[in-house]
Amino acid sequence: PYSAFTVNAEDVQIPSTTITYESRNADSSYAVGSYFRIKNRERVQETSLKQISNTSVETTEGFKSFNLRAFLSTGDAYITPYILHLIIPKNIK
């Protein structure tokens, strides 16, 4: 269980562009909340304990216990916002 988290995304702010983040998570009873806006690199203090469930529980219960989404937008016709998604293996030593 956890009661606080911080998103630390590597982002580049280019003029005429915006990046916003939203999160939602689940508690120990598998109740999933609504998305709420968060800021990058800002500690989010939850009002109750939350938990990250394992894959089998998420599959059985039909939910993801932690979701983070980013919205990228631009007012410049010559810029295309994108996300580079890197997966880091768990067993790196």
Protein backbone atom coordinates (compact mmCIF):
# COMPACT_ATOMS: atom_id res chain seq x y z
CA PRO A 1 0.00 0.00 0.00
CA TYR A 2 1.03 3.60 -0.56
CA SER A 3 -0.37 7.00 0.39
CA ALA A 4 1.76 9.28 -1.80
CA PHE A 5 3.52 9.23 -5.16
CA THR A 6 5.51 11.49 -7.46
CA VAL A 7 5.53 11.35 -11.26
CA ASN A 8 8.96 12.06 -12.67
CA ALA A 9 8.56 12.16 -16.45
CA GLU A 10 11.28 13.47 -18.69
CA ASP A 11 9.54 16.13 -20.74
CA VAL A 12 10.58 19.05 -22.89
CA GLN A 13 8.46 22.17 -22.91
CA ILE A 14 8.58 23.76 -26.35
CA PRO A 15 6.96 27.15 -27.02
CA SER A 16 3.29 26.85 -28.07
CA THR A 17 3.00 23.33 -26.59
CA THR A 18 1.50 21.93 -23.39
CA ILE A 19 1.80 18.64 -21.56
CA THR A 20 -0.70 17.76 -18.84
CA TYR A 21 -0.92 14.59 -16.73
CA GLU A 22 -3.79 12.74 -15.09
CA SER A 23 -3.82 9.73 -12.80
CA ARG A 24 -6.27 7.31 -11.27
CA ASN A 25 -5.66 4.44 -8.91
CA ALA A 26 -7.31 1.71 -6.87
CA ASP A 27 -7.64 0.99 -3.17
CA SER A 28 -7.38 -2.35 -1.36
CA SER A 29 -11.04 -3.15 -2.14
CA TYR A 30 -10.26 -2.81 -5.89
CA ALA A 31 -12.36 0.35 -6.15
CA VAL A 32 -10.92 2.49 -8.96
CA GLY A 33 -11.28 6.25 -8.62
CA SER A 34 -11.76 8.92 -11.27
CA TYR A 35 -8.92 10.57 -13.15
CA PHE A 36 -7.52 13.68 -11.50
CA ARG A 37 -4.96 16.18 -12.78
CA ILE A 38 -1.43 16.01 -11.40
CA LYS A 39 1.74 17.95 -12.04
CA ASN A 40 5.03 16.43 -13.11
CA ARG A 41 7.56 16.17 -10.27
CA GLU A 42 4.98 17.14 -7.65
CA ARG A 43 4.25 14.85 -4.68
CA VAL A 44 0.62 13.69 -4.64
CA GLN A 45 -0.68 12.91 -1.16
CA GLU A 46 -3.65 10.52 -1.23
CA THR A 47 -6.50 10.84 1.28
CA SER A 48 -6.54 7.05 1.80
CA LEU A 49 -4.20 4.11 1.22
CA LYS A 50 -3.91 2.87 -2.36
CA GLN A 51 -2.31 -0.29 -3.71
CA ILE A 52 -0.68 -1.67 -6.82
CA SER A 53 -2.13 -5.10 -7.55
CA ASN A 54 -0.39 -7.91 -9.38
CA THR A 55 -1.28 -8.83 -12.96
CA SER A 56 -3.44 -11.83 -12.05
CA VAL A 57 -5.62 -9.74 -9.72
CA GLU A 58 -5.93 -6.99 -12.32
CA THR A 59 -6.93 -9.56 -14.96
CA THR A 60 -9.42 -11.33 -12.68
CA GLU A 61 -11.00 -8.11 -11.39
CA GLY A 62 -10.90 -6.39 -14.81
CA PHE A 63 -9.09 -3.18 -13.84
CA LYS A 64 -5.66 -1.55 -13.76
CA SER A 65 -4.65 -0.46 -10.26
CA PHE A 66 -2.62 2.56 -11.39
CA ASN A 67 -3.10 4.62 -14.55
CA LEU A 68 -1.14 7.62 -15.74
CA ARG A 69 -2.00 9.46 -18.92
CA ALA A 70 -0.44 12.43 -20.64
CA PHE A 71 -2.09 14.92 -22.95
CA LEU A 72 0.13 16.62 -25.49
CA SER A 73 -1.01 19.60 -27.53
CA THR A 74 0.46 22.31 -29.69
CA GLY A 75 -0.61 25.48 -31.41
CA ASP A 76 2.27 25.24 -33.90
CA ALA A 77 1.54 23.57 -37.25
CA TYR A 78 5.21 22.54 -37.57
CA ILE A 79 5.46 20.63 -34.28
CA THR A 80 4.11 17.13 -33.62
CA PRO A 81 4.01 16.17 -29.92
CA TYR A 82 4.90 12.55 -29.15
CA ILE A 83 5.72 10.23 -26.26
CA LEU A 84 8.78 8.01 -26.24
CA HIS A 85 7.85 5.06 -24.05
CA LEU A 86 10.75 3.14 -22.55
CA ILE A 87 10.33 -0.15 -20.73
CA ILE A 88 13.01 -0.84 -18.12
CA PRO A 89 13.43 -4.51 -17.12
CA LYS A 90 12.88 -5.25 -13.43
CA ASN A 91 16.02 -7.33 -12.93
CA ILE A 92 18.67 -4.72 -13.79
CA LYS A 93 21.56 -4.85 -11.33
